[in-house]
Protein backbone atom coordinates (compact mmCIF):
# COMPACT_ATOMS: atom_id res chain seq x y z
CA MET A 1 -121.01 -94.54 -102.74
CA LYS A 2 -123.33 -93.34 -105.49
CA CYS A 3 -123.02 -95.10 -108.89
CA PRO A 4 -121.87 -92.56 -111.52
CA PHE A 5 -123.96 -94.35 -114.17
CA CYS A 6 -127.40 -94.92 -112.63
CA GLY A 7 -127.22 -92.98 -109.33
CA GLU A 8 -127.95 -96.02 -107.13
CA ILE A 9 -126.14 -96.00 -103.79
CA ASP A 10 -126.09 -99.77 -103.32
CA ASN A 11 -122.80 -101.27 -104.57
CA LYS A 12 -120.12 -103.73 -103.57
CA VAL A 13 -116.34 -103.51 -103.40
CA ILE A 14 -114.67 -105.99 -105.76
CA ASP A 15 -111.02 -105.10 -105.19
CA SER A 16 -108.98 -102.80 -102.88
CA ARG A 17 -105.36 -101.79 -103.36
CA LEU A 18 -102.99 -99.43 -101.60
CA SER A 19 -101.07 -96.81 -103.55
CA LYS A 20 -97.27 -97.08 -103.67
CA ASP A 21 -96.82 -94.80 -100.66
CA ALA A 22 -99.81 -96.36 -98.83
CA SER A 23 -101.54 -93.00 -98.54
CA VAL A 24 -104.48 -93.79 -100.86
CA ILE A 25 -106.73 -96.82 -101.23
CA ARG A 26 -108.05 -97.57 -104.74
CA ARG A 27 -111.34 -99.47 -104.72
CA ARG A 28 -113.04 -101.15 -107.68
CA ARG A 29 -116.78 -101.23 -107.12
CA GLU A 30 -119.74 -102.82 -108.86
CA CYS A 31 -123.21 -101.30 -108.80
CA ILE A 32 -125.86 -103.76 -107.59
CA ALA A 33 -128.56 -102.14 -109.77
CA CYS A 34 -126.87 -101.75 -113.18
CA SER A 35 -123.83 -104.09 -112.72
CA ARG A 36 -121.43 -101.45 -114.08
CA ARG A 37 -118.03 -101.04 -112.48
CA PHE A 38 -116.31 -97.88 -111.32
CA THR A 39 -113.25 -96.88 -109.30
CA THR A 40 -113.08 -94.75 -106.16
CA TYR A 41 -110.10 -93.42 -104.24
CA GLU A 42 -110.04 -93.06 -100.49
CA HIS A 43 -107.54 -90.89 -98.66
CA ILE A 44 -107.20 -89.26 -95.26
CA GLU A 45 -108.45 -85.72 -95.02
CA GLU A 46 -105.76 -83.93 -93.07
CA VAL A 47 -106.45 -80.79 -91.09
CA PRO A 48 -104.01 -78.14 -92.32
CA ILE A 49 -101.39 -76.86 -89.90
CA MET A 50 -101.73 -73.12 -89.46
CA ILE A 51 -98.61 -71.05 -88.94
CA VAL A 52 -98.82 -67.92 -86.79
CA LYS A 53 -96.31 -65.39 -88.11
CA LYS A 54 -94.46 -62.81 -85.98
CA ASP A 55 -96.93 -60.10 -86.99
CA GLY A 56 -99.95 -62.26 -86.05
CA ARG A 57 -100.92 -63.26 -89.59
CA ARG A 58 -101.90 -66.87 -90.11
CA GLU A 59 -101.11 -69.00 -93.12
CA VAL A 60 -101.24 -72.68 -94.00
CA PHE A 61 -98.01 -74.66 -93.53
CA ASN A 62 -96.33 -74.74 -96.91
CA ARG A 63 -93.92 -77.61 -97.63
CA GLU A 64 -92.70 -75.74 -100.69
CA LYS A 65 -91.47 -72.80 -98.59
CA VAL A 66 -89.64 -75.15 -96.24
CA ARG A 67 -88.17 -77.08 -99.18
CA SER A 68 -86.94 -73.87 -100.77
CA GLY A 69 -85.24 -72.66 -97.58
CA VAL A 70 -83.65 -76.02 -96.81
CA LYS A 71 -82.48 -76.44 -100.43
CA LYS A 72 -80.80 -73.02 -100.30
CA ALA A 73 -79.10 -73.91 -97.02
CA CYS A 74 -77.92 -77.25 -98.45
CA GLU A 75 -76.78 -75.83 -101.78
CA LYS A 76 -73.43 -77.23 -102.94
CA ARG A 77 -73.37 -79.63 -99.99
CA ASN A 78 -73.33 -83.40 -100.39
CA ILE A 79 -77.00 -83.76 -99.49
CA SER A 80 -79.39 -85.50 -101.89
CA MET A 81 -82.93 -84.40 -102.68
CA ASN A 82 -84.13 -87.68 -101.13
CA VAL A 83 -82.54 -86.68 -97.83
CA ILE A 84 -84.13 -83.22 -98.07
CA GLU A 85 -87.56 -84.77 -98.77
CA GLU A 86 -87.18 -87.14 -95.80
CA PHE A 87 -86.13 -84.14 -93.71
CA ILE A 88 -89.33 -82.29 -94.65
CA ASP A 89 -91.48 -85.42 -94.15
CA ASP A 90 -90.01 -85.84 -90.65
CA LEU A 91 -90.58 -82.17 -89.87
CA GLU A 92 -94.21 -82.27 -91.00
CA ARG A 93 -94.80 -85.48 -89.04
CA ASP A 94 -93.28 -83.85 -85.93
CA LEU A 95 -95.55 -80.83 -86.38
CA ARG A 96 -98.66 -83.00 -86.78
CA GLU A 97 -97.72 -85.09 -83.74
CA THR A 98 -97.85 -81.99 -81.54
CA GLY A 99 -101.62 -82.16 -81.99
CA GLU A 100 -101.77 -78.37 -82.30
CA LYS A 101 -103.82 -76.79 -85.08
CA GLU A 102 -101.79 -73.58 -84.92
CA LEU A 103 -98.06 -73.25 -84.33
CA PRO A 104 -95.89 -70.14 -84.07
CA ALA A 105 -93.47 -69.74 -86.98
CA SER A 106 -90.66 -69.61 -84.41
CA VAL A 107 -91.36 -73.21 -83.33
CA ILE A 108 -91.06 -74.41 -86.91
CA GLY A 109 -87.89 -72.39 -87.52
CA GLU A 110 -86.25 -73.82 -84.41
CA LYS A 111 -87.26 -77.38 -85.35
CA ILE A 112 -85.71 -76.86 -88.79
CA MET A 113 -82.52 -75.56 -87.20
CA VAL A 114 -82.26 -78.54 -84.82
CA LYS A 115 -82.73 -80.97 -87.71
CA LEU A 116 -80.23 -79.10 -89.92
CA HIS A 117 -77.70 -79.06 -87.07
CA GLN A 118 -77.94 -82.88 -86.99
CA LEU A 119 -77.73 -83.11 -90.79
CA ASP A 120 -74.97 -80.67 -91.80
CA ASP A 121 -73.17 -77.88 -89.91
CA VAL A 122 -72.67 -75.64 -92.94
CA ALA A 123 -76.34 -75.90 -93.94
CA TYR A 124 -77.26 -75.16 -90.32
CA VAL A 125 -75.17 -71.95 -90.20
CA ARG A 126 -76.52 -70.83 -93.59
CA PHE A 127 -80.11 -71.34 -92.45
CA ALA A 128 -79.43 -69.72 -89.06
CA SER A 129 -77.95 -66.64 -90.75
CA VAL A 130 -81.21 -66.01 -92.58
CA TYR A 131 -83.62 -67.22 -89.90
CA ARG A 132 -81.95 -65.32 -87.05
CA GLU A 133 -81.30 -62.35 -89.33
CA PHE A 134 -77.55 -62.06 -88.74
CA LYS A 135 -76.61 -58.38 -89.09
CA ASP A 136 -72.83 -58.68 -89.41
CA VAL A 137 -69.81 -60.97 -89.22
CA ASN A 138 -69.90 -60.93 -85.41
CA ASP A 139 -73.23 -62.77 -85.50
CA PHE A 140 -71.63 -65.46 -87.69
CA VAL A 141 -68.59 -65.73 -85.42
CA SER A 142 -70.80 -66.04 -82.35
CA GLU A 143 -72.85 -68.84 -83.96
CA LEU A 144 -69.70 -70.64 -85.12
CA LYS A 145 -68.16 -70.46 -81.62
CA SER A 146 -71.36 -71.96 -80.21
CA LEU A 147 -71.25 -74.69 -82.86
CA LEU A 148 -67.58 -75.50 -82.18
CA SER A 149 -68.22 -75.55 -78.45
CA SER A 150 -71.05 -78.06 -78.86
CA HIS A 151 -68.80 -80.27 -81.03
CA GLU A 152 -66.03 -80.28 -78.44
CA LYS A 153 -68.48 -81.41 -75.77
CA THR A 154 -69.93 -84.25 -77.83
CA GLU A 155 -66.75 -85.66 -79.35
CA ASP A 156 -64.70 -88.34 -77.58
CA GLY A 157 -67.42 -89.49 -75.21
CA GLY A 158 -68.14 -86.10 -73.73
CA ARG A 159 -64.51 -85.17 -72.95
CA ARG A 160 -62.97 -82.19 -74.68
CA VAL A 161 -60.85 -83.23 -77.67
CA ASN A 162 -58.10 -80.67 -77.09
CA GLY A 163 -56.74 -82.67 -74.17
CA SER A 164 -58.30 -80.93 -71.18
CA SER A 165 -61.06 -82.66 -69.23
């Protein structure tokens, strides 16, 4: 690391500390030549995730767009901003763990829907109505029937709740 005062590249690290979220390391350094101290910050350079849209355009994954859509879906629901932020962190981690540099927008949309389905049914249906471009009430009814059917299968240890097996 080049000294900002004298330009010498020979220096020593005096102290290292992690940031609160452990994503950055702060290092205090001392120049061997002029003995002046300076601070450097070290962080991981992440390769951006590219999203391939339906029309073939490519754009960088944008947490803000996801946050906006999820916030709208969760509006007036009992879901805190902390939960929404964790939701987005988990989503981004899942996307990075695929190891792919480019992902179709449809993969991201479906991952969001799966996570919303686990989080809140109303938020899930709201998001699905926009994402799947529901045209009329029949689309909503169809999605709600599917949702109710999946609930009946998972409640009471896999047996239907309404009494039939």
